[in-house]
C-alpha atoms as a PDB file:
ATOM      1  CA  MET A   1      -0.063  -0.048   0.060  1.00  0.00           C
ATOM      2  CA  SER A   2       1.374   3.287  -1.022  1.00  0.00           C
ATOM      3  CA  VAL A   3       1.718   6.145   1.534  1.00  0.00           C
ATOM      4  CA  LEU A   4      -0.814   8.296  -0.297  1.00  0.00           C
ATOM      5  CA  ASN A   5      -3.274   5.506  -0.180  1.00  0.00           C
ATOM      6  CA  PHE A   6      -2.654   5.098   3.610  1.00  0.00           C
ATOM      7  CA  LEU A   7      -3.130   8.546   4.203  1.00  0.00           C
ATOM      8  CA  ASN A   8      -6.079   8.984   1.885  1.00  0.00           C
ATOM      9  CA  ARG A   9      -8.882   8.031   4.449  1.00  0.00           C
ATOM     10  CA  PRO A  10      -7.909   9.990   7.401  1.00  0.00           C
ATOM     11  CA  LEU A  11      -6.984  13.118   5.549  1.00  0.00           C
ATOM     12  CA  LYS A  12     -10.247  13.270   3.727  1.00  0.00           C
ATOM     13  CA  VAL A  13     -12.152  13.086   6.961  1.00  0.00           C
ATOM     14  CA  LEU A  14      -9.957  15.977   8.432  1.00  0.00           C
ATOM     15  CA  ILE A  15      -9.953  18.292   5.462  1.00  0.00           C
ATOM     16  CA  ASP A  16     -12.791  20.501   4.824  1.00  0.00           C
ATOM     17  CA  SER A  17     -12.451  23.062   1.862  1.00  0.00           C
ATOM     18  CA  ARG A  18     -14.214  25.691   4.110  1.00  0.00           C
ATOM     19  CA  LEU A  19     -11.133  25.724   6.544  1.00  0.00           C
ATOM     20  CA  PHE A  20      -8.872  26.816   3.573  1.00  0.00           C
ATOM     21  CA  ILE A  21      -8.398  30.573   2.676  1.00  0.00           C
ATOM     22  CA  CYS A  22      -7.939  29.569  -0.843  1.00  0.00           C
ATOM     23  CA  ARG A  23     -10.723  27.073  -1.904  1.00  0.00           C
ATOM     24  CA  TYR A  24      -8.971  26.138  -5.186  1.00  0.00           C
ATOM     25  CA  GLN A  25      -5.752  24.928  -3.386  1.00  0.00           C
ATOM     26  CA  SER A  26      -7.982  22.738  -0.798  1.00  0.00           C
ATOM     27  CA  GLN A  27      -9.767  21.258  -3.761  1.00  0.00           C
ATOM     28  CA  ARG A  28      -6.428  20.408  -5.598  1.00  0.00           C
ATOM     29  CA  LEU A  29      -5.426  18.586  -2.495  1.00  0.00           C
ATOM     30  CA  LEU A  30      -8.673  16.675  -2.235  1.00  0.00           C
ATOM     31  CA  ASP A  31      -8.406  15.822  -6.106  1.00  0.00           C
ATOM     32  CA  LEU A  32      -4.893  14.474  -5.307  1.00  0.00           C
ATOM     33  CA  LEU A  33      -6.248  12.283  -2.486  1.00  0.00           C
ATOM     34  CA  ASN A  34      -8.828  10.771  -4.809  1.00  0.00           C
ATOM     35  CA  LYS A  35      -6.598   9.379  -7.235  1.00  0.00           C
ATOM     36  CA  LYS A  36      -6.379   5.771  -7.098  1.00  0.00           C
ATOM     37  CA  ALA A  37      -3.362   3.568  -8.115  1.00  0.00           C
ATOM     38  CA  ALA A  38      -5.719   0.881  -9.205  1.00  0.00           C
ATOM     39  CA  ILE A  39      -7.137   3.092 -11.978  1.00  0.00           C
ATOM     40  CA  GLU A  40      -3.690   3.504 -13.543  1.00  0.00           C
ATOM     41  CA  ASN A  41      -2.935  -0.257 -13.286  1.00  0.00           C
ATOM     42  CA  GLU A  42      -6.593  -1.083 -14.689  1.00  0.00           C
ATOM     43  CA  TYR A  43      -6.037   1.120 -17.670  1.00  0.00           C
ATOM     44  CA  ASN A  44      -2.489   0.716 -18.516  1.00  0.00           C
ATOM     45  CA  ASP A  45      -3.114  -1.698 -21.335  1.00  0.00           C
ATOM     46  CA  GLU A  46      -5.945   0.546 -22.620  1.00  0.00           C
ATOM     47  CA  LEU A  47      -3.696   3.576 -22.691  1.00  0.00           C
ATOM     48  CA  GLU A  48      -0.679   1.813 -24.360  1.00  0.00           C
ATOM     49  CA  THR A  49      -3.127   1.063 -27.372  1.00  0.00           C
ATOM     50  CA  LEU A  50      -4.160   4.826 -27.724  1.00  0.00           C
ATOM     51  CA  PRO A  51      -1.876   7.208 -29.938  1.00  0.00           C
ATOM     52  CA  LEU A  52      -1.131   9.935 -27.370  1.00  0.00           C
ATOM     53  CA  GLY A  53      -1.320  12.903 -29.609  1.00  0.00           C
ATOM     54  CA  ASN A  54      -4.401  11.591 -31.451  1.00  0.00           C
ATOM     55  CA  THR A  55      -7.360  13.248 -29.711  1.00  0.00           C
ATOM     56  CA  ILE A  56      -9.865  11.725 -32.339  1.00  0.00           C
ATOM     57  CA  GLU A  57      -8.795   8.183 -31.224  1.00  0.00           C
ATOM     58  CA  TRP A  58      -9.305   9.252 -27.540  1.00  0.00           C
ATOM     59  CA  ASN A  59     -12.742  10.402 -28.116  1.00  0.00           C
ATOM     60  CA  LYS A  60     -13.793   7.318 -29.923  1.00  0.00           C
ATOM     61  CA  LYS A  61     -12.568   5.258 -26.982  1.00  0.00           C
ATOM     62  CA  LEU A  62     -14.369   7.562 -24.519  1.00  0.00           C
ATOM     63  CA  LYS A  63     -17.445   7.384 -26.753  1.00  0.00           C
ATOM     64  CA  SER A  64     -17.452   3.574 -27.002  1.00  0.00           C
ATOM     65  CA  TYR A  65     -17.500   3.498 -22.955  1.00  0.00           C
ATOM     66  CA  ARG A  66     -20.444   5.793 -22.931  1.00  0.00           C
ATOM     67  CA  MET A  67     -22.311   3.679 -25.563  1.00  0.00           C
ATOM     68  CA  ARG A  68     -21.859   0.546 -23.526  1.00  0.00           C
ATOM     69  CA  ASN A  69     -23.062   2.300 -20.298  1.00  0.00           C
ATOM     70  CA  GLN A  70     -19.730   2.258 -18.724  1.00  0.00           C
ATOM     71  CA  GLU A  71     -19.603   6.034 -17.941  1.00  0.00           C
ATOM     72  CA  LYS A  72     -17.372   5.466 -14.903  1.00  0.00           C
ATOM     73  CA  ASN A  73     -14.753   3.822 -17.147  1.00  0.00           C
ATOM     74  CA  ALA A  74     -14.799   6.770 -19.308  1.00  0.00           C
ATOM     75  CA  LEU A  75     -14.219   9.127 -16.596  1.00  0.00           C
ATOM     76  CA  LYS A  76     -11.357   7.272 -15.257  1.00  0.00           C
ATOM     77  CA  LEU A  77      -9.750   6.742 -18.501  1.00  0.00           C
ATOM     78  CA  PHE A  78     -10.115  10.599 -19.178  1.00  0.00           C
ATOM     79  CA  GLU A  79      -8.569  11.215 -15.671  1.00  0.00           C
ATOM     80  CA  VAL A  80      -5.725   9.128 -16.036  1.00  0.00           C
ATOM     81  CA  GLY A  81      -4.928  10.433 -19.602  1.00  0.00           C
ATOM     82  CA  ILE A  82      -4.906  13.857 -18.406  1.00  0.00           C
ATOM     83  CA  ARG A  83      -2.683  13.261 -15.382  1.00  0.00           C
ATOM     84  CA  LYS A  84      -0.069  10.712 -16.789  1.00  0.00           C
ATOM     85  CA  HIS A  85      -0.211  10.896 -20.731  1.00  0.00           C
ATOM     86  CA  GLN A  86      -0.581  14.517 -21.506  1.00  0.00           C
ATOM     87  CA  PHE A  87      -3.878  13.861 -23.267  1.00  0.00           C
ATOM     88  CA  GLN A  88      -5.049  17.003 -25.107  1.00  0.00           C
ATOM     89  CA  PRO A  89      -9.081  17.045 -25.023  1.00  0.00           C
ATOM     90  CA  ASP A  90     -10.902  19.178 -27.398  1.00  0.00           C
ATOM     91  CA  TYR A  91     -14.168  20.740 -27.522  1.00  0.00           C
ATOM     92  CA  ILE A  92     -15.908  17.354 -28.393  1.00  0.00           C
ATOM     93  CA  THR A  93     -14.166  15.691 -25.439  1.00  0.00           C
ATOM     94  CA  TYR A  94     -15.429  18.153 -22.741  1.00  0.00           C
ATOM     95  CA  ILE A  95     -19.051  18.088 -24.123  1.00  0.00           C
ATOM     96  CA  SER A  96     -18.727  14.231 -24.083  1.00  0.00           C
ATOM     97  CA  MET A  97     -17.460  13.964 -20.306  1.00  0.00           C
ATOM     98  CA  LEU A  98     -19.863  16.794 -19.034  1.00  0.00           C
ATOM     99  CA  GLU A  99     -22.905  14.856 -20.707  1.00  0.00           C
ATOM    100  CA  ILE A 100     -21.541  11.700 -18.749  1.00  0.00           C
ATOM    101  CA  CYS A 101     -21.495  13.656 -15.535  1.00  0.00           C
ATOM    102  CA  LYS A 102     -25.143  14.835 -16.292  1.00  0.00           C
ATOM    103  CA  ASP A 103     -26.197  11.309 -16.868  1.00  0.00           C
ATOM    104  CA  ILE A 104     -24.766   9.952 -13.790  1.00  0.00           C
ATOM    105  CA  LYS A 105     -25.039  12.887 -11.713  1.00  0.00           C
ATOM    106  CA  ASP A 106     -21.455  13.080 -10.796  1.00  0.00           C
ATOM    107  CA  VAL A 107     -20.754  16.581  -9.825  1.00  0.00           C
ATOM    108  CA  ASP A 108     -17.275  16.001  -8.414  1.00  0.00           C
ATOM    109  CA  SER A 109     -16.000  14.689 -11.771  1.00  0.00           C
ATOM    110  CA  GLY A 110     -17.897  17.541 -13.326  1.00  0.00           C
ATOM    111  CA  GLN A 111     -16.084  20.244 -11.225  1.00  0.00           C
ATOM    112  CA  TYR A 112     -12.947  18.517 -11.969  1.00  0.00           C
ATOM    113  CA  ILE A 113     -13.401  18.809 -15.831  1.00  0.00           C
ATOM    114  CA  HIS A 114     -14.653  22.402 -15.314  1.00  0.00           C
ATOM    115  CA  ARG A 115     -11.278  23.148 -13.760  1.00  0.00           C
ATOM    116  CA  ILE A 116      -9.589  21.732 -16.678  1.00  0.00           C
ATOM    117  CA  ILE A 117     -11.754  23.509 -19.095  1.00  0.00           C
ATOM    118  CA  ASN A 118     -10.944  26.901 -17.465  1.00  0.00           C
ATOM    119  CA  LYS A 119      -7.114  26.320 -18.307  1.00  0.00           C
ATOM    120  CA  SER A 120      -7.991  25.505 -21.807  1.00  0.00           C
ATOM    121  CA  SER A 121      -8.328  27.568 -24.977  1.00  0.00           C
ATOM    122  CA  VAL A 122     -12.259  26.756 -25.082  1.00  0.00           C
ATOM    123  CA  ARG A 123     -13.183  28.040 -21.775  1.00  0.00           C
ATOM    124  CA  ASP A 124     -15.207  30.733 -23.198  1.00  0.00           C
ATOM    125  CA  ASN A 125     -17.003  28.492 -25.717  1.00  0.00           C
ATOM    126  CA  SER A 126     -20.602  29.406 -25.271  1.00  0.00           C
ATOM    127  CA  ARG A 127     -21.935  25.950 -25.862  1.00  0.00           C
ATOM    128  CA  LEU A 128     -19.607  24.510 -23.255  1.00  0.00           C
ATOM    129  CA  GLN A 129     -20.801  27.219 -20.652  1.00  0.00           C
ATOM    130  CA  LEU A 130     -24.263  25.976 -21.207  1.00  0.00           C
ATOM    131  CA  VAL A 131     -23.545  22.306 -20.872  1.00  0.00           C
ATOM    132  CA  LEU A 132     -21.560  23.202 -17.699  1.00  0.00           C
ATOM    133  CA  MET A 133     -24.665  24.946 -16.478  1.00  0.00           C
ATOM    134  CA  GLU A 134     -27.008  22.044 -17.273  1.00  0.00           C
ATOM    135  CA  MET A 135     -24.433  19.692 -15.714  1.00  0.00           C
ATOM    136  CA  TYR A 136     -24.558  21.674 -12.356  1.00  0.00           C
ATOM    137  CA  MET A 137     -28.361  21.779 -12.288  1.00  0.00           C
ATOM    138  CA  LYS A 138     -28.764  18.006 -13.136  1.00  0.00           C
ATOM    139  CA  CYS A 139     -26.279  17.270 -10.316  1.00  0.00           C
ATOM    140  CA  GLY A 140     -28.261  19.579  -7.859  1.00  0.00           C
ATOM    141  CA  ASP A 141     -25.605  22.111  -7.416  1.00  0.00           C
ATOM    142  CA  VAL A 142     -27.799  25.160  -7.994  1.00  0.00           C
ATOM    143  CA  ASP A 143     -25.024  27.671  -6.823  1.00  0.00           C
ATOM    144  CA  GLY A 144     -22.816  26.123  -9.438  1.00  0.00           C
ATOM    145  CA  ALA A 145     -25.489  26.625 -12.078  1.00  0.00           C
ATOM    146  CA  ARG A 146     -26.133  30.067 -11.148  1.00  0.00           C
ATOM    147  CA  GLU A 147     -22.509  30.976 -11.299  1.00  0.00           C
ATOM    148  CA  MET A 148     -22.341  29.581 -14.948  1.00  0.00           C
ATOM    149  CA  PHE A 149     -25.555  31.389 -15.725  1.00  0.00           C
ATOM    150  CA  ASP A 150     -24.037  34.847 -14.488  1.00  0.00           C
ATOM    151  CA  SER A 151     -21.071  34.238 -16.519  1.00  0.00           C
ATOM    152  CA  LEU A 152     -22.954  33.897 -19.973  1.00  0.00           C
ATOM    153  CA  LYS A 153     -22.551  36.804 -22.182  1.00  0.00           C
ATOM    154  CA  HIS A 154     -25.894  36.065 -24.010  1.00  0.00           C
ATOM    155  CA  ARG A 155     -28.744  34.675 -21.924  1.00  0.00           C
ATOM    156  CA  THR A 156     -32.255  33.923 -23.537  1.00  0.00           C
ATOM    157  CA  VAL A 157     -35.322  32.851 -21.979  1.00  0.00           C
ATOM    158  CA  VAL A 158     -34.329  29.249 -22.292  1.00  0.00           C
ATOM    159  CA  GLU A 159     -31.401  29.860 -19.796  1.00  0.00           C
ATOM    160  CA  TYR A 160     -33.609  31.821 -17.520  1.00  0.00           C
ATOM    161  CA  ASN A 161     -36.361  29.099 -17.431  1.00  0.00           C
ATOM    162  CA  ALA A 162     -33.670  26.442 -16.781  1.00  0.00           C
ATOM    163  CA  VAL A 163     -32.363  28.292 -13.624  1.00  0.00           C
ATOM    164  CA  MET A 164     -35.891  29.034 -12.355  1.00  0.00           C
ATOM    165  CA  THR A 165     -36.743  25.242 -12.874  1.00  0.00           C
ATOM    166  CA  ALA A 166     -33.767  24.416 -10.655  1.00  0.00           C
ATOM    167  CA  TYR A 167     -34.816  27.019  -7.983  1.00  0.00           C
ATOM    168  CA  ASN A 168     -38.229  25.580  -7.717  1.00  0.00           C
ATOM    169  CA  THR A 169     -36.948  21.972  -7.797  1.00  0.00           C
ATOM    170  CA  HIS A 170     -34.323  22.549  -5.116  1.00  0.00           C
ATOM    171  CA  GLN A 171     -36.601  24.582  -2.719  1.00  0.00           C
ATOM    172  CA  ASN A 172     -35.738  28.161  -3.393  1.00  0.00           C
ATOM    173  CA  PRO A 173     -38.757  29.392  -4.992  1.00  0.00           C
ATOM    174  CA  GLN A 174     -37.906  33.048  -4.033  1.00  0.00           C
ATOM    175  CA  GLY A 175     -34.824  32.754  -6.311  1.00  0.00           C
ATOM    176  CA  ALA A 176     -37.272  31.797  -9.168  1.00  0.00           C
ATOM    177  CA  ILE A 177     -39.465  34.769  -8.469  1.00  0.00           C
ATOM    178  CA  ASP A 178     -36.412  37.181  -8.336  1.00  0.00           C
ATOM    179  CA  LEU A 179     -35.038  35.545 -11.618  1.00  0.00           C
ATOM    180  CA  PHE A 180     -38.435  36.189 -13.331  1.00  0.00           C
ATOM    181  CA  TYR A 181     -38.237  39.954 -12.607  1.00  0.00           C
ATOM    182  CA  GLU A 182     -34.482  40.157 -13.424  1.00  0.00           C
ATOM    183  CA  MET A 183     -35.186  38.617 -16.843  1.00  0.00           C
ATOM    184  CA  GLN A 184     -37.349  41.373 -17.864  1.00  0.00           C
ATOM    185  CA  GLN A 185     -35.354  44.335 -16.088  1.00  0.00           C
ATOM    186  CA  THR A 186     -31.791  43.356 -16.609  1.00  0.00           C
ATOM    187  CA  ASP A 187     -31.774  41.458 -20.046  1.00  0.00           C
ATOM    188  CA  LYS A 188     -35.065  42.939 -21.217  1.00  0.00           C
ATOM    189  CA  THR A 189     -35.926  39.304 -21.947  1.00  0.00           C
ATOM    190  CA  LYS A 190     -39.721  38.586 -22.658  1.00  0.00           C
ATOM    191  CA  PRO A 191     -41.066  35.637 -20.634  1.00  0.00           C
ATOM    192  CA  ASN A 192     -42.911  32.881 -22.298  1.00  0.00           C
ATOM    193  CA  ASN A 193     -45.523  30.508 -21.114  1.00  0.00           C
ATOM    194  CA  VAL A 194     -42.855  28.089 -19.398  1.00  0.00           C
ATOM    195  CA  SER A 195     -41.608  31.316 -17.341  1.00  0.00           C
ATOM    196  CA  PHE A 196     -45.302  32.218 -16.492  1.00  0.00           C
ATOM    197  CA  MET A 197     -45.790  28.686 -15.289  1.00  0.00           C
ATOM    198  CA  LEU A 198     -42.658  28.505 -13.208  1.00  0.00           C
ATOM    199  CA  PHE A 199     -43.659  31.846 -11.578  1.00  0.00           C
ATOM    200  CA  PHE A 200     -46.958  30.563 -10.437  1.00  0.00           C
ATOM    201  CA  GLN A 201     -45.252  27.380  -9.163  1.00  0.00           C
ATOM    202  CA  ALA A 202     -42.986  29.574  -6.935  1.00  0.00           C
ATOM    203  CA  CYS A 203     -46.061  31.704  -5.897  1.00  0.00           C
ATOM    204  CA  ILE A 204     -47.817  28.539  -4.717  1.00  0.00           C
ATOM    205  CA  LYS A 205     -44.782  27.237  -2.917  1.00  0.00           C
ATOM    206  CA  LEU A 206     -44.390  30.579  -1.000  1.00  0.00           C
ATOM    207  CA  GLN A 207     -48.149  31.322  -0.688  1.00  0.00           C
ATOM    208  CA  LEU A 208     -47.670  34.771  -2.608  1.00  0.00           C
ATOM    209  CA  PHE A 209     -51.170  34.493  -4.149  1.00  0.00           C
ATOM    210  CA  GLU A 210     -51.545  38.103  -4.685  1.00  0.00           C
ATOM    211  CA  LYS A 211     -48.519  38.093  -6.959  1.00  0.00           C
ATOM    212  CA  GLY A 212     -49.695  35.238  -8.825  1.00  0.00           C
ATOM    213  CA  LYS A 213     -53.136  36.793  -9.196  1.00  0.00           C
ATOM    214  CA  ALA A 214     -51.497  40.044 -10.353  1.00  0.00           C
ATOM    215  CA  LEU A 215     -49.566  38.288 -13.089  1.00  0.00           C
ATOM    216  CA  HIS A 216     -52.723  36.356 -14.038  1.00  0.00           C
ATOM    217  CA  GLU A 217     -54.657  39.795 -14.554  1.00  0.00           C
ATOM    218  CA  GLU A 218     -51.743  41.035 -16.630  1.00  0.00           C
ATOM    219  CA  LEU A 219     -52.104  37.810 -18.862  1.00  0.00           C
ATOM    220  CA  LYS A 220     -55.748  38.466 -19.285  1.00  0.00           C
ATOM    221  CA  GLN A 221     -55.325  41.920 -20.459  1.00  0.00           C
ATOM    222  CA  LYS A 222     -52.597  41.056 -22.898  1.00  0.00           C
ATOM    223  CA  THR A 223     -54.045  37.998 -24.708  1.00  0.00           C
ATOM    224  CA  SER A 224     -56.541  35.194 -24.095  1.00  0.00           C
ATOM    225  CA  ASN A 225     -54.219  32.688 -25.862  1.00  0.00           C
ATOM    226  CA  TYR A 226     -52.620  31.626 -22.660  1.00  0.00           C
ATOM    227  CA  ILE A 227     -55.574  29.741 -21.688  1.00  0.00           C
ATOM    228  CA  LYS A 228     -55.032  27.474 -24.656  1.00  0.00           C
ATOM    229  CA  ASN A 229     -51.614  26.449 -23.202  1.00  0.00           C
ATOM    230  CA  LYS A 230     -52.581  23.181 -21.043  1.00  0.00           C
ATOM    231  CA  GLU A 231     -49.634  23.226 -18.640  1.00  0.00           C
ATOM    232  CA  LEU A 232     -50.039  27.214 -17.978  1.00  0.00           C
ATOM    233  CA  SER A 233     -53.664  26.963 -17.471  1.00  0.00           C
ATOM    234  CA  ASN A 234     -53.549  24.068 -15.259  1.00  0.00           C
ATOM    235  CA  GLN A 235     -50.940  25.883 -13.010  1.00  0.00           C
ATOM    236  CA  ILE A 236     -53.245  28.891 -12.807  1.00  0.00           C
ATOM    237  CA  VAL A 237     -55.994  26.747 -11.615  1.00  0.00           C
ATOM    238  CA  ALA A 238     -53.720  25.128  -9.003  1.00  0.00           C
ATOM    239  CA  MET A 239     -52.860  28.420  -7.616  1.00  0.00           C
ATOM    240  CA  TYR A 240     -56.482  29.464  -7.337  1.00  0.00           C
ATOM    241  CA  ILE A 241     -57.136  26.060  -5.574  1.00  0.00           C
ATOM    242  CA  ALA A 242     -54.142  26.805  -3.339  1.00  0.00           C
ATOM    243  CA  SER A 243     -55.276  30.154  -2.436  1.00  0.00           C
ATOM    244  CA  GLY A 244     -58.878  28.845  -1.637  1.00  0.00           C
ATOM    245  CA  ASP A 245     -60.460  30.915  -4.599  1.00  0.00           C
ATOM    246  CA  TYR A 246     -62.435  27.917  -5.818  1.00  0.00           C
ATOM    247  CA  SER A 247     -65.196  29.619  -7.679  1.00  0.00           C
ATOM    248  CA  ILE A 248     -62.452  31.087  -9.889  1.00  0.00           C
ATOM    249  CA  ALA A 249     -60.583  27.764 -10.204  1.00  0.00           C
ATOM    250  CA  GLU A 250     -63.839  26.207 -11.191  1.00  0.00           C
ATOM    251  CA  GLU A 251     -64.239  28.771 -13.890  1.00  0.00           C
ATOM    252  CA  TYR A 252     -60.824  28.158 -15.543  1.00  0.00           C
ATOM    253  CA  PHE A 253     -60.968  24.532 -14.807  1.00  0.00           C
ATOM    254  CA  ASN A 254     -64.147  24.157 -17.016  1.00  0.00           C
ATOM    255  CA  GLN A 255     -62.255  25.849 -19.910  1.00  0.00           C
ATOM    256  CA  ILE A 256     -59.068  23.327 -19.893  1.00  0.00           C
ATOM    257  CA  LYS A 257     -59.411  20.524 -22.265  1.00  0.00           C
ATOM    258  CA  GLU A 258     -57.306  18.331 -20.152  1.00  0.00           C
ATOM    259  CA  PRO A 259     -57.384  19.233 -16.481  1.00  0.00           C
ATOM    260  CA  SER A 260     -54.445  17.990 -14.218  1.00  0.00           C
ATOM    261  CA  VAL A 261     -54.950  15.058 -12.020  1.00  0.00           C
ATOM    262  CA  ALA A 262     -53.931  17.343  -9.321  1.00  0.00           C
ATOM    263  CA  ASN A 263     -56.654  19.977 -10.317  1.00  0.00           C
ATOM    264  CA  TYR A 264     -59.284  17.234 -10.360  1.00  0.00           C
ATOM    265  CA  VAL A 265     -58.154  16.050  -6.791  1.00  0.00           C
ATOM    266  CA  GLY A 266     -58.192  19.595  -5.447  1.00  0.00           C
ATOM    267  CA  LEU A 267     -61.807  20.281  -6.603  1.00  0.00           C
ATOM    268  CA  MET A 268     -63.005  17.002  -5.531  1.00  0.00           C
ATOM    269  CA  LYS A 269     -61.804  17.551  -1.941  1.00  0.00           C
ATOM    270  CA  TYR A 270     -63.413  20.774  -2.043  1.00  0.00           C
ATOM    271  CA  TYR A 271     -66.957  19.453  -3.089  1.00  0.00           C
ATOM    272  CA  ASN A 272     -66.484  16.667  -0.376  1.00  0.00           C
ATOM    273  CA  GLN A 273     -65.747  19.585   2.243  1.00  0.00           C
ATOM    274  CA  LEU A 274     -69.061  21.160   1.174  1.00  0.00           C
ATOM    275  CA  LYS A 275     -70.771  17.757   1.354  1.00  0.00           C
ATOM    276  CA  ASN A 276     -71.559  17.977  -2.181  1.00  0.00           C
ATOM    277  CA  TRP A 277     -70.892  14.372  -2.876  1.00  0.00           C
ATOM    278  CA  GLU A 278     -72.753  14.037  -6.218  1.00  0.00           C
ATOM    279  CA  GLN A 279     -70.565  16.750  -7.784  1.00  0.00           C
ATOM    280  CA  THR A 280     -67.411  14.894  -6.649  1.00  0.00           C
ATOM    281  CA  ILE A 281     -68.757  11.653  -8.385  1.00  0.00           C
ATOM    282  CA  GLN A 282     -69.521  13.709 -11.574  1.00  0.00           C
ATOM    283  CA  LEU A 283     -66.234  15.072 -11.667  1.00  0.00           C
ATOM    284  CA  TYR A 284     -64.699  11.582 -11.491  1.00  0.00           C
ATOM    285  CA  ASP A 285     -67.150  10.471 -14.364  1.00  0.00           C
ATOM    286  CA  LYS A 286     -65.789  13.382 -16.441  1.00  0.00           C
ATOM    287  CA  MET A 287     -62.181  12.554 -15.694  1.00  0.00           C
ATOM    288  CA  LYS A 288     -62.670   8.805 -16.979  1.00  0.00           C
ATOM    289  CA  LEU A 289     -63.749  10.152 -20.433  1.00  0.00           C
ATOM    290  CA  GLN A 290     -60.336  11.983 -20.875  1.00  0.00           C
ATOM    291  CA  ARG A 291     -57.822   9.282 -22.273  1.00  0.00           C
ATOM    292  CA  ARG A 292     -54.699  11.094 -20.961  1.00  0.00           C
ATOM    293  CA  SER A 293     -56.017  11.937 -17.496  1.00  0.00           C
ATOM    294  CA  GLN A 294     -56.082   8.483 -15.599  1.00  0.00           C
ATOM    295  CA  PRO A 295     -57.373   8.500 -11.972  1.00  0.00           C
ATOM    296  CA  ASP A 296     -54.601   7.729  -9.480  1.00  0.00           C
ATOM    297  CA  VAL A 297     -54.763   6.679  -5.756  1.00  0.00           C
ATOM    298  CA  SER A 298     -55.652  10.093  -4.459  1.00  0.00           C
ATOM    299  CA  ILE A 299     -58.594  10.324  -6.916  1.00  0.00           C
ATOM    300  CA  TYR A 300     -60.081   6.930  -5.915  1.00  0.00           C
ATOM    301  CA  LEU A 301     -59.703   7.821  -2.230  1.00  0.00           C
ATOM    302  CA  THR A 302     -61.592  11.017  -2.707  1.00  0.00           C
ATOM    303  CA  VAL A 303     -64.369   9.625  -4.607  1.00  0.00           C
ATOM    304  CA  LEU A 304     -64.738   6.614  -2.361  1.00  0.00           C
ATOM    305  CA  THR A 305     -65.204   8.975   0.374  1.00  0.00           C
ATOM    306  CA  ALA A 306     -68.141  10.749  -1.552  1.00  0.00           C
ATOM    307  CA  ILE A 307     -69.593   7.242  -2.577  1.00  0.00           C
ATOM    308  CA  LYS A 308     -69.350   6.028   1.165  1.00  0.00           C
ATOM    309  CA  GLU A 309     -71.423   9.117   2.325  1.00  0.00           C
ATOM    310  CA  MET A 310     -73.838   8.724  -0.237  1.00  0.00           C
ATOM    311  CA  LYS A 311     -74.236   4.846   0.095  1.00  0.00           C
ATOM    312  CA  ASN A 312     -74.132   4.523  -3.667  1.00  0.00           C
ATOM    313  CA  ILE A 313     -73.823   0.837  -4.356  1.00  0.00           C
ATOM    314  CA  GLU A 314     -73.896   1.119  -8.053  1.00  0.00           C
ATOM    315  CA  ALA A 315     -71.013   3.944  -8.011  1.00  0.00           C
ATOM    316  CA  ALA A 316     -69.157   1.689  -5.627  1.00  0.00           C
ATOM    317  CA  LYS A 317     -69.285  -1.497  -7.903  1.00  0.00           C
ATOM    318  CA  GLN A 318     -68.228   0.815 -10.927  1.00  0.00           C
ATOM    319  CA  VAL A 319     -65.241   2.165  -8.976  1.00  0.00           C
ATOM    320  CA  GLU A 320     -64.313  -1.455  -8.093  1.00  0.00           C
ATOM    321  CA  GLN A 321     -64.243  -2.445 -11.677  1.00  0.00           C
ATOM    322  CA  ASP A 322     -62.204   0.511 -12.560  1.00  0.00           C
ATOM    323  CA  LEU A 323     -59.772  -0.324  -9.831  1.00  0.00           C
ATOM    324  CA  ILE A 324     -59.366  -3.842 -11.141  1.00  0.00           C
ATOM    325  CA  LYS A 325     -58.588  -2.529 -14.633  1.00  0.00           C
ATOM    326  CA  GLN A 326     -55.878  -0.514 -13.106  1.00  0.00           C
ATOM    327  CA  ASN A 327     -54.488  -3.140 -10.850  1.00  0.00           C
ATOM    328  CA  LEU A 328     -54.853  -0.898  -7.820  1.00  0.00           C
ATOM    329  CA  TRP A 329     -57.252  -3.062  -5.925  1.00  0.00           C
ATOM    330  CA  GLN A 330     -54.733  -5.508  -4.873  1.00  0.00           C
ATOM    331  CA  ASN A 331     -51.843  -3.008  -4.466  1.00  0.00           C
ATOM    332  CA  HIS A 332     -53.225  -0.486  -1.990  1.00  0.00           C
ATOM    333  CA  ALA A 333     -54.390  -1.370   1.387  1.00  0.00           C
ATOM    334  CA  GLU A 334     -56.201   1.928   2.081  1.00  0.00           C
ATOM    335  CA  ILE A 335     -58.295   1.576  -1.029  1.00  0.00           C
ATOM    336  CA  GLN A 336     -59.306  -2.002  -0.231  1.00  0.00           C
ATOM    337  CA  ASN A 337     -60.367  -1.001   3.357  1.00  0.00           C
ATOM    338  CA  ILE A 338     -62.692   1.960   2.286  1.00  0.00           C
ATOM    339  CA  LEU A 339     -64.197   0.117  -0.689  1.00  0.00           C
ATOM    340  CA  GLY A 340     -64.686  -3.062   1.395  1.00  0.00           C
ATOM    341  CA  GLU A 341     -66.277  -0.998   3.964  1.00  0.00           C
ATOM    342  CA  ILE A 342     -68.737   0.608   1.536  1.00  0.00           C
ATOM    343  CA  LEU A 343     -69.688  -2.860  -0.139  1.00  0.00           C
ATOM    344  CA  ARG A 344     -70.114  -4.668   3.418  1.00  0.00           C
ATOM    345  CA  ASN A 345     -72.440  -1.763   4.875  1.00  0.00           C
ATOM    346  CA  ILE A 346     -74.589  -1.162   1.879  1.00  0.00           C
END
């Protein structure tokens, strides 16, 4: 066992990059400790067959690993080639390696490749910067993605939407709202339907319903075409349901060709609260007529609650048949219990 391998474990436990004044130096040390002698031995034969100065042949070999779903092997070969054999990656190499990091969500390797890119002649390539941003987002490093976003010279609504999505996904909805306004004020970029949808999502998470309603009013004044967008209109309905404005939610719900399952559940639960059991069942029947909106467990539990209160045996038997078709009858104990209780007591 080498001295480096012997020290690897205890040093890694003790080292924390936050303790170093220079983050880059601490990361370099951690990178060094992460090197495995086994990698060099494992790929020694592979490296011997590759022309060291032929980047095209290296790229072919790295691509072949990815095509065989051996992403880790590709990353190891890339790292050993850089460190021991003066391999000179090109634009295509970096794109391929970053895509691998995205696929397997390996942010550590992505950061390592990013540092190499920063020392290369292609560091300012706009396509590479976008892929780096995507890699950080896919790996859950929102701060890293935002740093790449801020470094972009030309930002479109696509890049703004990507970062807003990352903020909403990783529990920073305020960041999404701030970026929505920044998009228009800083870059004079016009939001699209995806931007609006992400804004409404953030408002729901933060319960900033007045902001959401204000944007909806703005959309209504500018155009009526927004309601034709299924995802956006469903998000608007979801906002009104979350805010408790059920009358407005119903109005727009009835205008949507394909309401979402979540909005069906929201309104059905509202009808159950009002003890309007018949309305819940009618909504369930309406949903069954739509091919793309299939009832899920939450729908069945909600409609069965209404059926139980109404003591409607015909509706219960119909739901039972629907459950058997979807194979949910045998796979969900709560559904079994409530349906069994209905059929036994009626």
